[in-house]
Protein backbone atom coordinates (compact mmCIF):
# COMPACT_ATOMS: atom_id res chain seq x y z
CA UNK A 1 70.87 -168.98 -185.88
CA UNK A 2 69.70 -166.80 -188.50
CA UNK A 3 71.83 -166.68 -191.82
CA UNK A 4 73.11 -163.38 -193.32
CA UNK A 5 71.19 -164.54 -196.65
CA UNK A 6 67.98 -165.02 -194.50
CA UNK A 7 68.31 -161.67 -192.95
CA UNK A 8 68.89 -160.19 -196.13
CA UNK A 9 65.90 -161.68 -197.83
CA UNK A 10 63.91 -160.69 -194.85
CA UNK A 11 65.02 -157.13 -195.00
CA UNK A 12 64.13 -157.11 -198.76
CA UNK A 13 60.56 -158.63 -198.19
CA UNK A 14 59.72 -156.05 -195.52
CA UNK A 15 61.09 -153.30 -197.87
CA UNK A 16 58.78 -154.38 -200.58
CA UNK A 17 55.97 -154.59 -198.16
CA UNK A 18 56.44 -151.21 -196.78
CA UNK A 19 56.55 -149.95 -200.46
CA UNK A 20 53.29 -151.63 -201.27
CA UNK A 21 51.66 -150.15 -198.09
CA UNK A 22 52.98 -146.72 -199.11
CA UNK A 23 51.61 -146.92 -202.65
CA UNK A 24 48.23 -148.31 -201.05
CA UNK A 25 48.19 -145.37 -199.00
CA UNK A 26 48.96 -142.98 -201.76
CA UNK A 27 46.13 -144.54 -203.86
CA UNK A 28 43.55 -144.04 -201.03
CA UNK A 29 44.61 -140.46 -201.03
CA UNK A 30 44.50 -140.03 -204.64
CA UNK A 31 40.87 -141.64 -204.47
CA UNK A 32 39.85 -139.13 -201.71
CA UNK A 33 41.14 -136.40 -203.82
CA UNK A 34 39.46 -136.78 -207.00
CA UNK A 35 36.89 -139.88 -207.19
CA UNK A 36 34.71 -139.48 -210.49
CA UNK A 37 32.53 -141.51 -212.78
CA UNK A 38 32.88 -142.23 -216.35
CA UNK A 39 29.87 -141.01 -218.53
CA UNK A 40 27.77 -143.86 -219.66
CA UNK A 41 29.68 -146.83 -218.19
CA UNK A 42 29.65 -145.53 -214.59
CA UNK A 43 33.17 -146.76 -213.89
CA UNK A 44 34.77 -145.02 -210.89
CA UNK A 45 38.20 -143.31 -211.87
CA UNK A 46 40.67 -141.23 -210.07
CA UNK A 47 41.69 -137.82 -211.32
CA UNK A 48 43.98 -135.19 -209.88
CA UNK A 49 43.98 -132.74 -212.68
CA UNK A 50 40.84 -130.60 -213.17
CA UNK A 51 39.08 -130.69 -216.60
CA UNK A 52 39.84 -127.04 -217.22
CA UNK A 53 43.54 -127.74 -217.20
CA UNK A 54 43.00 -130.90 -219.52
CA UNK A 55 41.06 -128.82 -222.11
CA UNK A 56 43.81 -126.12 -221.90
CA UNK A 57 46.52 -128.66 -222.55
CA UNK A 58 44.21 -130.32 -225.51
CA UNK A 59 43.81 -126.95 -227.11
CA UNK A 60 47.50 -126.17 -226.99
CA UNK A 61 48.49 -129.58 -228.37
CA UNK A 62 45.71 -129.38 -231.11
CA UNK A 63 46.94 -125.96 -232.24
CA UNK A 64 50.64 -127.39 -232.54
CA UNK A 65 49.52 -130.18 -234.52
CA UNK A 66 47.42 -128.06 -237.05
CA UNK A 67 50.77 -125.91 -237.29
CA UNK A 68 52.82 -128.79 -238.11
CA UNK A 69 50.78 -131.13 -240.14
CA UNK A 70 49.14 -130.20 -243.43
CA UNK A 71 45.39 -129.76 -243.59
CA UNK A 72 43.69 -131.63 -246.33
CA UNK A 73 42.58 -129.50 -249.45
CA UNK A 74 40.03 -132.38 -250.22
CA UNK A 75 36.80 -130.45 -249.27
CA UNK A 76 34.58 -133.46 -249.68
CA UNK A 77 36.49 -135.33 -247.03
CA UNK A 78 36.41 -132.33 -244.84
CA UNK A 79 32.69 -131.88 -245.18
CA UNK A 80 31.95 -135.43 -244.48
CA UNK A 81 34.29 -135.52 -241.14
CA UNK A 82 32.55 -132.55 -239.83
CA UNK A 83 29.13 -133.65 -240.61
CA UNK A 84 29.75 -137.08 -238.84
CA UNK A 85 31.58 -135.04 -235.94
CA UNK A 86 28.77 -132.59 -235.49
CA UNK A 87 26.18 -135.50 -234.98
CA UNK A 88 28.41 -137.40 -232.64
CA UNK A 89 29.06 -134.21 -230.57
CA UNK A 90 25.33 -133.56 -230.47
CA UNK A 91 24.73 -136.84 -228.49
CA UNK A 92 27.79 -136.80 -226.64
CA UNK A 93 26.23 -134.46 -223.77
CA UNK A 94 29.28 -132.05 -223.69
CA UNK A 95 27.67 -128.63 -224.57
CA UNK A 96 30.61 -127.16 -222.91
CA UNK A 97 33.10 -128.46 -225.36
CA UNK A 98 34.29 -126.32 -228.09
CA UNK A 99 34.11 -128.80 -230.94
CA UNK A 100 36.33 -128.49 -233.71
CA UNK A 101 36.91 -131.08 -236.77
CA UNK A 102 39.75 -131.09 -239.10
CA UNK A 103 41.17 -133.29 -241.67
CA UNK A 104 45.07 -134.03 -241.93
CA UNK A 105 46.38 -135.12 -245.39
CA UNK A 106 48.56 -137.98 -244.53
CA UNK A 107 48.76 -141.75 -244.99
CA UNK A 108 48.64 -142.41 -241.13
CA UNK A 109 45.66 -144.63 -240.29
CA UNK A 110 44.57 -142.79 -237.19
CA UNK A 111 42.38 -140.12 -235.60
CA UNK A 112 42.26 -138.37 -232.33
CA UNK A 113 40.18 -136.31 -230.02
CA UNK A 114 41.81 -134.13 -227.56
CA UNK A 115 40.41 -132.85 -224.32
CA UNK A 116 37.85 -130.22 -225.21
CA UNK A 117 36.53 -131.77 -228.33
CA UNK A 118 39.44 -131.02 -230.67
CA UNK A 119 39.19 -133.72 -233.50
CA UNK A 120 41.36 -134.73 -236.22
CA UNK A 121 41.16 -137.52 -238.78
CA UNK A 122 44.23 -138.58 -240.99
CA UNK A 123 43.23 -139.27 -244.66
CA UNK A 124 45.03 -142.49 -244.34
CA UNK A 125 41.99 -144.09 -242.28
CA UNK A 126 39.29 -143.27 -244.74
CA UNK A 127 39.77 -146.25 -247.11
CA UNK A 128 39.78 -148.53 -244.16
CA UNK A 129 36.34 -146.85 -242.91
CA UNK A 130 34.91 -147.24 -246.36
CA UNK A 131 31.60 -145.48 -245.32
CA UNK A 132 30.23 -142.90 -242.94
CA UNK A 133 29.41 -145.57 -240.29
CA UNK A 134 32.72 -146.87 -240.43
CA UNK A 135 34.30 -143.29 -239.94
CA UNK A 136 31.83 -143.04 -237.25
CA UNK A 137 33.26 -145.92 -235.52
CA UNK A 138 36.71 -144.22 -235.40
CA UNK A 139 35.49 -140.76 -234.56
CA UNK A 140 32.90 -141.71 -231.84
CA UNK A 141 35.67 -144.12 -230.15
CA UNK A 142 38.13 -141.05 -230.08
CA UNK A 143 35.42 -138.68 -228.84
CA UNK A 144 34.81 -141.50 -226.03
CA UNK A 145 38.20 -141.10 -224.82
CA UNK A 146 37.79 -137.35 -224.32
CA UNK A 147 34.51 -137.44 -222.71
CA UNK A 148 35.86 -140.26 -220.56
CA UNK A 149 38.86 -138.22 -219.55
CA UNK A 150 41.10 -141.16 -220.27
CA UNK A 151 44.10 -138.57 -220.65
CA UNK A 152 43.89 -137.38 -217.29
CA UNK A 153 43.37 -140.76 -215.70
CA UNK A 154 46.50 -142.03 -217.30
CA UNK A 155 48.45 -138.75 -216.13
CA UNK A 156 47.16 -139.59 -212.54
CA UNK A 157 48.42 -143.31 -212.47
CA UNK A 158 51.75 -142.33 -214.09
CA UNK A 159 52.19 -139.96 -211.27
CA UNK A 160 51.30 -142.72 -208.87
CA UNK A 161 53.77 -145.16 -210.51
CA UNK A 162 56.60 -142.63 -210.41
CA UNK A 163 55.87 -142.05 -206.63
CA UNK A 164 56.03 -145.54 -206.02
CA UNK A 165 59.40 -146.13 -207.72
CA UNK A 166 60.62 -143.21 -205.89
CA UNK A 167 59.60 -144.66 -202.49
CA UNK A 168 61.17 -148.12 -203.43
CA UNK A 169 64.44 -146.42 -204.41
CA UNK A 170 64.36 -144.77 -201.08
CA UNK A 171 63.99 -147.81 -199.03
CA UNK A 172 66.73 -149.71 -201.11
CA UNK A 173 69.20 -146.94 -200.61
CA UNK A 174 71.39 -148.90 -198.23
CA UNK A 175 71.21 -152.14 -200.54
CA UNK A 176 73.97 -153.10 -202.81
CA UNK A 177 73.95 -151.28 -205.97
CA UNK A 178 73.38 -154.33 -208.12
CA UNK A 179 70.54 -155.61 -206.07
CA UNK A 180 68.96 -151.94 -206.06
CA UNK A 181 69.14 -152.11 -209.82
CA UNK A 182 67.47 -155.49 -210.14
CA UNK A 183 64.58 -154.68 -207.77
CA UNK A 184 63.78 -151.37 -209.60
CA UNK A 185 63.85 -153.11 -212.81
CA UNK A 186 61.36 -155.71 -211.67
CA UNK A 187 59.14 -153.04 -210.18
CA UNK A 188 59.10 -151.19 -213.39
CA UNK A 189 58.42 -154.51 -215.41
CA UNK A 190 55.47 -155.28 -212.82
CA UNK A 191 54.14 -151.77 -213.20
CA UNK A 192 54.16 -151.78 -216.92
CA UNK A 193 52.68 -155.10 -217.86
CA UNK A 194 50.52 -155.55 -214.63
CA UNK A 195 49.16 -152.29 -214.28
CA UNK A 196 49.84 -149.50 -217.01
CA UNK A 197 49.43 -151.54 -220.07
CA UNK A 198 46.12 -153.29 -218.87
CA UNK A 199 45.02 -150.09 -217.71
CA UNK A 200 45.53 -148.59 -221.34
CA UNK A 201 43.65 -151.78 -222.77
CA UNK A 202 41.00 -151.16 -220.39
CA UNK A 203 40.51 -147.53 -221.72
CA UNK A 204 40.53 -148.78 -225.17
CA UNK A 205 37.76 -151.36 -224.53
CA UNK A 206 35.87 -148.62 -222.72
CA UNK A 207 36.06 -146.19 -225.46
CA UNK A 208 34.80 -148.78 -227.73
CA UNK A 209 31.95 -149.52 -225.37
CA UNK A 210 31.10 -145.74 -225.24
CA UNK A 211 31.80 -145.16 -228.87
CA UNK A 212 29.37 -147.74 -230.23
CA UNK A 213 26.68 -146.28 -228.15
CA UNK A 214 27.47 -142.93 -229.40
CA UNK A 215 27.43 -143.50 -233.10
CA UNK A 216 24.33 -145.45 -232.46
CA UNK A 217 22.49 -142.49 -231.14
CA UNK A 218 23.89 -140.28 -233.88
CA UNK A 219 22.12 -142.59 -236.28
CA UNK A 220 24.82 -144.71 -237.69
CA UNK A 221 24.42 -148.50 -237.81
CA UNK A 222 26.48 -149.80 -234.84
CA UNK A 223 26.67 -153.08 -236.64
CA UNK A 224 29.36 -151.57 -238.82
CA UNK A 225 31.56 -151.24 -235.54
CA UNK A 226 32.68 -155.00 -235.33
CA UNK A 227 33.01 -155.24 -239.08
CA UNK A 228 35.44 -152.01 -239.10
CA UNK A 229 37.93 -153.88 -236.86
CA UNK A 230 37.88 -156.91 -238.98
CA UNK A 231 38.83 -154.67 -242.00
CA UNK A 232 41.44 -152.93 -239.95
CA UNK A 233 43.02 -156.14 -238.98
CA UNK A 234 43.14 -157.11 -242.53
CA UNK A 235 45.09 -154.18 -243.58
CA UNK A 236 48.16 -155.18 -241.11
CA UNK A 237 51.19 -157.06 -241.99
CA UNK A 238 53.64 -158.92 -240.00
CA UNK A 239 52.80 -160.59 -236.62
CA UNK A 240 51.14 -158.38 -234.18
CA UNK A 241 52.66 -158.17 -230.46
CA UNK A 242 51.11 -160.39 -227.99
CA UNK A 243 48.35 -158.77 -226.38
CA UNK A 244 49.45 -158.55 -222.84
CA UNK A 245 52.50 -156.48 -224.16
CA UNK A 246 50.35 -153.97 -226.08
CA UNK A 247 48.66 -150.74 -225.05
CA UNK A 248 45.60 -151.76 -227.16
CA UNK A 249 43.61 -155.20 -227.14
CA UNK A 250 43.60 -157.13 -230.32
CA UNK A 251 41.53 -156.37 -233.17
CA UNK A 252 39.89 -159.86 -232.94
CA UNK A 253 39.10 -159.21 -229.07
CA UNK A 254 37.51 -155.71 -229.81
CA UNK A 255 35.48 -156.96 -232.74
CA UNK A 256 33.99 -159.94 -230.51
CA UNK A 257 33.49 -157.35 -227.67
CA UNK A 258 31.65 -155.11 -229.72
CA UNK A 259 29.44 -157.85 -231.29
CA UNK A 260 28.19 -158.69 -227.68
CA UNK A 261 27.38 -154.74 -227.15
CA UNK A 262 25.34 -154.94 -230.58
CA UNK A 263 21.92 -155.57 -228.76
CA UNK A 264 22.23 -152.52 -226.53
CA UNK A 265 23.55 -150.45 -229.22
CA UNK A 266 20.85 -151.33 -231.69
CA UNK A 267 18.27 -150.05 -229.06
CA UNK A 268 19.77 -146.69 -229.32
CA UNK A 269 19.85 -146.93 -233.00
CA UNK A 270 16.35 -147.50 -233.22
CA UNK A 271 15.43 -144.53 -231.08
CA UNK A 272 17.78 -142.30 -233.18
CA UNK A 273 15.76 -139.02 -234.70
CA UNK A 274 17.41 -139.83 -237.96
CA UNK A 275 18.79 -143.09 -239.21
CA UNK A 276 21.84 -142.69 -241.62
CA UNK A 277 22.73 -146.30 -241.65
CA UNK A 278 25.97 -146.85 -243.24
CA UNK A 279 25.66 -143.44 -245.09
CA UNK A 280 27.77 -142.73 -248.32
CA UNK A 281 31.08 -143.66 -249.20
CA UNK A 282 34.07 -141.81 -247.59
CA UNK A 283 36.69 -142.96 -250.20
CA UNK A 284 36.91 -139.55 -251.81
CA UNK A 285 39.48 -138.28 -254.02
CA UNK A 286 40.88 -134.59 -254.12
């Protein structure tokens, strides 16, 4: 005779199996609708949004940032950022992008490139970069995110995650409320740590890979890429979160991966029309 507990466990097991099958079916449908390849790495990706819509969203977001953040008055910093940006844009193979480069006066150690080629560099990252090649590491990485359409890919997978959670909630609607909450919470944890965060880390590593090739093609010494991440790590205080709980790989992991890519990147650097090397210092003062 089957016990009530066994029966409930069996139902829960089949509920989870049904949810997995539904999620797999959704994934197959997504793949059929929007399968693409990432430039330079040729990794296959699934995208539901059009590039035109992503670029439109990028422009709107960029305009909002420039309205709310102070543009630097440091003309030298702006000139350097735009010079490096134009060199990277020239080898990015995206003539359809309406490239724009601005510098934001802030202690934030960051930069970004929105879809469509809208780039901003925060002055706080310049001391860490030290030289043009260091800044090219940062900017080419951000440009890589844009040309690889990582933003659109994340939106697609977030949509799939939400659909899976909604399906699981439907199948559990007749379960006890507490069990319902526990299973949904477990699903959320698995989705975040098992899919979303590793996927984000994969994007970061891919942007590093594309970025080091872009900076090399633009004439900047790619050997500065792993060195930059070592410098960046030295500026941090306090314990870093465990890598599996982070959206970004560890700085040490990134530096090691970039060193492995150096032989390939140096091949592009040797073929560059103009070799800038490390370039000039970017530690400018107003």
